[in-house]
Amino acid sequence: MIQLVLIFCLAGDPHSCKEVRPVVEDINSPMACMTMGQIVAANEINSSLGLQGYVLSKWRCEIGKRAERAL
């Protein structure tokens, strides 16, 4: 199981960050995870009211058990 992990930080305070683990069904390889990261991050920013004022700081791919979505 490969999971995308997005890190969003406040634009005015880069030390105040949130980790988001969106459920993405099409991720079946590390390469797919890395190539889809930016697209999924843009969709998260556009669709989540909880991320207003946040910018994408980084993303990573984790191999292992899928966690629930965290916001």
N, C-alpha and C. Protein backbone atom coordinates (compact mmCIF):
# COMPACT_ATOMS: atom_id res chain seq x y z
N MET A 1 0.85 -1.17 0.00
CA MET A 1 0.00 0.00 0.00
C MET A 1 0.90 1.23 0.00
N ILE A 2 0.65 2.13 -0.93
CA ILE A 2 1.40 3.38 -1.03
C ILE A 2 0.44 4.52 -0.74
N GLN A 3 0.88 5.43 0.12
CA GLN A 3 0.02 6.53 0.51
C GLN A 3 0.72 7.86 0.27
N LEU A 4 -0.02 8.81 -0.27
CA LEU A 4 0.46 10.16 -0.48
C LEU A 4 0.28 10.96 0.80
N VAL A 5 1.32 11.67 1.21
CA VAL A 5 1.26 12.52 2.40
C VAL A 5 1.60 13.94 1.95
N LEU A 6 0.67 14.87 2.16
CA LEU A 6 0.85 16.26 1.77
C LEU A 6 1.07 17.10 3.02
N ILE A 7 2.03 18.02 2.97
CA ILE A 7 2.31 18.91 4.08
C ILE A 7 1.98 20.33 3.63
N PHE A 8 0.99 20.94 4.29
CA PHE A 8 0.59 22.31 4.01
C PHE A 8 0.98 23.18 5.19
N CYS A 9 1.57 24.34 4.92
CA CYS A 9 1.96 25.27 5.97
C CYS A 9 1.29 26.62 5.72
N LEU A 10 1.04 27.34 6.82
CA LEU A 10 0.46 28.67 6.68
C LEU A 10 1.40 29.56 5.90
N ALA A 11 0.85 30.36 5.01
CA ALA A 11 1.66 31.24 4.18
C ALA A 11 2.45 32.23 5.04
N GLY A 12 1.85 32.71 6.12
CA GLY A 12 2.50 33.69 6.98
C GLY A 12 3.31 33.09 8.12
N ASP A 13 3.21 31.78 8.33
CA ASP A 13 3.92 31.12 9.42
C ASP A 13 4.33 29.73 8.95
N PRO A 14 5.48 29.60 8.32
CA PRO A 14 5.89 28.31 7.75
C PRO A 14 6.15 27.21 8.77
N HIS A 15 6.09 27.55 10.05
CA HIS A 15 6.28 26.53 11.09
C HIS A 15 4.95 25.95 11.58
N SER A 16 3.86 26.52 11.11
CA SER A 16 2.52 26.03 11.46
C SER A 16 1.98 25.23 10.27
N CYS A 17 2.07 23.91 10.39
CA CYS A 17 1.75 23.04 9.25
C CYS A 17 0.70 22.00 9.59
N LYS A 18 0.07 21.49 8.54
CA LYS A 18 -0.89 20.41 8.65
C LYS A 18 -0.46 19.28 7.71
N GLU A 19 -0.62 18.06 8.17
CA GLU A 19 -0.35 16.89 7.34
C GLU A 19 -1.69 16.35 6.86
N VAL A 20 -1.81 16.16 5.55
CA VAL A 20 -3.03 15.66 4.94
C VAL A 20 -2.70 14.37 4.20
N ARG A 21 -3.52 13.34 4.41
CA ARG A 21 -3.34 12.05 3.76
C ARG A 21 -4.58 11.72 2.95
N PRO A 22 -4.67 12.28 1.75
CA PRO A 22 -5.87 12.03 0.95
C PRO A 22 -5.93 10.58 0.47
N VAL A 23 -7.13 10.09 0.35
CA VAL A 23 -7.33 8.73 -0.17
C VAL A 23 -7.32 8.83 -1.69
N VAL A 24 -6.32 8.22 -2.31
CA VAL A 24 -6.18 8.22 -3.76
C VAL A 24 -6.11 6.77 -4.21
N GLU A 25 -7.10 6.35 -4.96
CA GLU A 25 -7.22 4.94 -5.35
C GLU A 25 -6.23 4.52 -6.44
N ASP A 26 -5.79 5.45 -7.28
CA ASP A 26 -4.97 5.10 -8.44
C ASP A 26 -3.48 4.99 -8.15
N ILE A 27 -3.08 5.11 -6.90
CA ILE A 27 -1.65 5.04 -6.58
C ILE A 27 -1.28 3.58 -6.34
N ASN A 28 -0.51 3.03 -7.29
CA ASN A 28 -0.11 1.63 -7.17
C ASN A 28 1.39 1.44 -7.28
N SER A 29 2.13 2.56 -7.37
CA SER A 29 3.59 2.47 -7.42
C SER A 29 4.16 3.78 -6.86
N PRO A 30 5.41 3.75 -6.40
CA PRO A 30 6.03 4.99 -5.92
C PRO A 30 6.09 6.07 -7.01
N MET A 31 6.33 5.68 -8.25
CA MET A 31 6.39 6.66 -9.34
C MET A 31 5.02 7.32 -9.55
N ALA A 32 3.96 6.54 -9.51
CA ALA A 32 2.61 7.09 -9.65
C ALA A 32 2.31 8.06 -8.51
N CYS A 33 2.74 7.72 -7.33
CA CYS A 33 2.53 8.58 -6.16
C CYS A 33 3.23 9.93 -6.35
N MET A 34 4.47 9.90 -6.77
CA MET A 34 5.22 11.14 -6.94
C MET A 34 4.68 12.00 -8.08
N THR A 35 4.25 11.38 -9.16
CA THR A 35 3.75 12.17 -10.28
C THR A 35 2.36 12.74 -10.01
N MET A 36 1.58 12.08 -9.17
CA MET A 36 0.23 12.55 -8.86
C MET A 36 0.20 13.53 -7.69
N GLY A 37 1.29 13.63 -6.95
CA GLY A 37 1.33 14.46 -5.75
C GLY A 37 0.90 15.89 -5.95
N GLN A 38 1.44 16.55 -6.94
CA GLN A 38 1.13 17.95 -7.17
C GLN A 38 -0.31 18.15 -7.61
N ILE A 39 -0.82 17.26 -8.43
CA ILE A 39 -2.21 17.36 -8.90
C ILE A 39 -3.18 17.19 -7.74
N VAL A 40 -2.94 16.17 -6.92
CA VAL A 40 -3.81 15.91 -5.77
C VAL A 40 -3.73 17.08 -4.78
N ALA A 41 -2.54 17.63 -4.57
CA ALA A 41 -2.38 18.77 -3.67
C ALA A 41 -3.19 19.97 -4.15
N ALA A 42 -3.16 20.25 -5.44
CA ALA A 42 -3.93 21.37 -5.98
C ALA A 42 -5.42 21.14 -5.78
N ASN A 43 -5.88 19.93 -5.98
CA ASN A 43 -7.29 19.62 -5.76
C ASN A 43 -7.67 19.77 -4.29
N GLU A 44 -6.78 19.37 -3.39
CA GLU A 44 -7.05 19.51 -1.95
C GLU A 44 -7.19 20.97 -1.56
N ILE A 45 -6.30 21.83 -2.07
CA ILE A 45 -6.37 23.25 -1.74
C ILE A 45 -7.66 23.86 -2.26
N ASN A 46 -8.05 23.50 -3.48
CA ASN A 46 -9.24 24.06 -4.09
C ASN A 46 -10.53 23.55 -3.47
N SER A 47 -10.51 22.36 -2.88
CA SER A 47 -11.76 21.77 -2.38
C SER A 47 -11.89 21.81 -0.86
N SER A 48 -10.86 22.17 -0.14
CA SER A 48 -10.90 22.10 1.32
C SER A 48 -10.92 23.49 1.96
N LEU A 49 -12.00 23.79 2.66
CA LEU A 49 -12.08 25.07 3.36
C LEU A 49 -11.08 25.13 4.52
N GLY A 50 -10.69 23.97 5.04
CA GLY A 50 -9.74 23.93 6.15
C GLY A 50 -8.33 24.27 5.75
N LEU A 51 -8.06 24.43 4.46
CA LEU A 51 -6.71 24.74 4.00
C LEU A 51 -6.57 26.17 3.45
N GLN A 52 -7.56 27.01 3.69
CA GLN A 52 -7.46 28.39 3.23
C GLN A 52 -6.32 29.07 3.99
N GLY A 53 -5.47 29.75 3.25
CA GLY A 53 -4.32 30.42 3.85
C GLY A 53 -3.09 29.54 3.94
N TYR A 54 -3.23 28.27 3.53
CA TYR A 54 -2.10 27.33 3.55
C TYR A 54 -1.53 27.17 2.15
N VAL A 55 -0.24 26.86 2.10
CA VAL A 55 0.42 26.56 0.83
C VAL A 55 1.08 25.19 0.96
N LEU A 56 1.23 24.54 -0.17
CA LEU A 56 1.88 23.24 -0.17
C LEU A 56 3.36 23.43 0.12
N SER A 57 3.84 22.79 1.15
CA SER A 57 5.25 22.89 1.52
C SER A 57 6.05 21.75 0.88
N LYS A 58 5.51 20.53 0.99
CA LYS A 58 6.17 19.36 0.40
C LYS A 58 5.19 18.20 0.41
N TRP A 59 5.57 17.15 -0.27
CA TRP A 59 4.80 15.91 -0.21
C TRP A 59 5.77 14.75 -0.25
N ARG A 60 5.26 13.61 0.21
CA ARG A 60 6.07 12.39 0.19
C ARG A 60 5.14 11.21 0.00
N CYS A 61 5.73 10.09 -0.31
CA CYS A 61 4.99 8.86 -0.46
C CYS A 61 5.47 7.88 0.60
N GLU A 62 4.54 7.26 1.29
CA GLU A 62 4.86 6.28 2.32
C GLU A 62 4.36 4.91 1.89
N ILE A 63 5.15 3.93 2.19
CA ILE A 63 4.76 2.55 1.91
C ILE A 63 4.35 1.92 3.23
N GLY A 64 3.17 1.33 3.25
CA GLY A 64 2.68 0.71 4.47
C GLY A 64 1.17 0.83 4.58
N LYS A 65 0.69 0.70 5.77
CA LYS A 65 -0.75 0.75 6.04
C LYS A 65 -1.32 2.13 5.77
N ARG A 66 -2.46 2.19 5.13
CA ARG A 66 -3.12 3.46 4.83
C ARG A 66 -3.82 3.99 6.07
N ALA A 67 -3.52 5.23 6.42
CA ALA A 67 -4.17 5.88 7.56
C ALA A 67 -5.43 6.59 7.09
N GLU A 68 -6.26 6.95 8.03
CA GLU A 68 -7.45 7.72 7.72
C GLU A 68 -7.05 9.13 7.33
N ARG A 69 -7.92 9.80 6.62
CA ARG A 69 -7.67 11.18 6.20
C ARG A 69 -7.56 12.06 7.44
N ALA A 70 -6.50 12.85 7.51
CA ALA A 70 -6.28 13.74 8.64
C ALA A 70 -6.31 15.18 8.19
N LEU A 71 -7.12 15.99 8.87
CA LEU A 71 -7.15 17.43 8.59
C LEU A 71 -7.18 18.19 9.87
